[in-house]
Amino acid sequence: MHIVFSGTKWYFLTKQVFTHQDIVDILIGWYLEPDLSDSLVTQMTNALISLNEYWKVNMHWCKVLTGQFLDDADGFCSECISLPPAHPDLNTKLHKITLLVR
């Protein structure tokens, strides 16, 4: 985790290893982890916001990433609809949907 945050703060040192796209992709992927503390989510959010200048210069990549994000949400919703109400995986799927919109 420190590598990602270091990459956002001191990009000039880490750009040989990680691109801003890598860092953003990793951070967004972590949003789907169910057991993150509120402080960690806040740190991840702040890191994503700090990278906004890099998002602006690559709008095509932002559109692709947003499309993947929406596809994930659609997939989780479809899985929830297809599960019976008492299915043990239903709560996990619903929780992941809430993580997407936090």
Protein backbone atom coordinates (compact mmCIF):
# COMPACT_ATOMS: atom_id res chain seq x y z
CA MET A 1 0.00 0.00 0.00
CA HIS A 2 2.85 2.35 0.78
CA ILE A 3 4.22 1.86 -2.72
CA VAL A 4 0.95 3.06 -4.22
CA PHE A 5 0.74 6.12 -1.98
CA SER A 6 4.42 6.86 -2.53
CA GLY A 7 3.77 6.58 -6.23
CA THR A 8 1.07 9.22 -6.04
CA LYS A 9 3.14 11.56 -3.89
CA TRP A 10 6.58 11.05 -5.42
CA TYR A 11 5.75 9.99 -8.93
CA PHE A 12 9.05 11.25 -10.29
CA LEU A 13 10.75 8.47 -8.27
CA THR A 14 8.37 5.63 -9.08
CA LYS A 15 7.46 6.34 -12.71
CA GLN A 16 9.99 3.80 -13.94
CA VAL A 17 8.02 1.05 -12.14
CA PHE A 18 4.40 2.30 -12.04
CA THR A 19 2.40 4.51 -14.32
CA HIS A 20 -0.41 6.68 -12.98
CA GLN A 21 -2.76 4.29 -14.73
CA ASP A 22 -1.29 1.37 -12.75
CA ILE A 23 -1.72 3.24 -9.48
CA VAL A 24 -5.31 4.24 -10.24
CA ASP A 25 -6.18 0.71 -11.39
CA ILE A 26 -4.76 -0.77 -8.17
CA LEU A 27 -6.58 1.73 -5.97
CA ILE A 28 -9.92 1.19 -7.66
CA GLY A 29 -9.48 -2.58 -7.44
CA TRP A 30 -8.93 -2.29 -3.70
CA TYR A 31 -12.25 -0.50 -3.32
CA LEU A 32 -13.91 -3.88 -3.78
CA GLU A 33 -12.18 -5.37 -0.77
CA PRO A 34 -14.84 -5.74 1.92
CA ASP A 35 -12.70 -5.38 5.06
CA LEU A 36 -10.99 -2.03 4.49
CA SER A 37 -10.93 0.44 7.33
CA ASP A 38 -12.55 3.82 6.86
CA SER A 39 -9.17 5.52 7.20
CA LEU A 40 -7.68 3.37 4.44
CA VAL A 41 -10.62 4.15 2.15
CA THR A 42 -10.09 7.85 2.89
CA GLN A 43 -6.38 7.55 2.03
CA MET A 44 -7.23 5.75 -1.22
CA THR A 45 -9.82 8.38 -2.11
CA ASN A 46 -7.34 11.18 -1.45
CA ALA A 47 -4.72 9.43 -3.57
CA LEU A 48 -7.18 9.11 -6.47
CA ILE A 49 -8.16 12.76 -6.16
CA SER A 50 -4.50 13.80 -6.11
CA LEU A 51 -4.05 12.09 -9.48
CA ASN A 52 -6.83 14.13 -11.14
CA GLU A 53 -4.43 16.05 -13.37
CA TYR A 54 -3.32 12.76 -14.91
CA TRP A 55 -6.91 11.63 -15.42
CA LYS A 56 -7.64 14.83 -17.36
CA VAL A 57 -4.91 14.28 -19.93
CA ASN A 58 -6.01 10.76 -20.79
CA MET A 59 -9.78 10.87 -21.19
CA HIS A 60 -9.84 7.76 -23.40
CA TRP A 61 -8.32 5.71 -20.60
CA CYS A 62 -10.82 7.24 -18.14
CA LYS A 63 -13.68 6.18 -20.38
CA VAL A 64 -12.32 2.63 -20.61
CA LEU A 65 -11.82 2.45 -16.84
CA THR A 66 -15.31 3.82 -16.19
CA GLY A 67 -16.71 1.24 -18.61
CA GLN A 68 -14.97 -1.55 -16.73
CA PHE A 69 -16.28 -0.17 -13.44
CA LEU A 70 -19.85 -0.12 -14.79
CA ASP A 71 -19.44 -3.63 -16.22
CA ASP A 72 -18.39 -4.86 -12.78
CA ALA A 73 -21.43 -3.20 -11.21
CA ASP A 74 -23.72 -4.68 -13.85
CA GLY A 75 -22.20 -8.12 -13.33
CA PHE A 76 -22.72 -7.97 -9.57
CA CYS A 77 -26.33 -6.81 -10.05
CA SER A 78 -27.02 -9.59 -12.56
CA GLU A 79 -25.58 -12.17 -10.19
CA CYS A 80 -27.77 -10.86 -7.35
CA ILE A 81 -30.89 -11.05 -9.47
CA SER A 82 -30.16 -14.64 -10.46
CA LEU A 83 -29.58 -15.85 -6.89
CA PRO A 84 -32.45 -17.06 -4.71
CA PRO A 85 -33.07 -14.84 -1.64
CA ALA A 86 -31.61 -17.36 0.81
CA HIS A 87 -28.43 -18.05 -1.22
CA PRO A 88 -25.28 -17.69 0.94
CA ASP A 89 -23.46 -15.63 -1.73
CA LEU A 90 -26.21 -13.02 -2.00
CA ASN A 91 -24.97 -10.89 0.89
CA THR A 92 -21.42 -10.94 -0.49
CA LYS A 93 -22.62 -9.79 -3.92
CA LEU A 94 -24.81 -7.06 -2.43
CA HIS A 95 -21.90 -5.91 -0.28
CA LYS A 96 -19.67 -5.60 -3.34
CA ILE A 97 -22.31 -3.44 -5.03
CA THR A 98 -22.33 -1.12 -2.02
CA LEU A 99 -18.53 -0.97 -2.15
CA LEU A 100 -18.70 0.22 -5.75
CA VAL A 101 -20.80 3.23 -4.79
CA ARG A 102 -19.17 4.25 -1.51
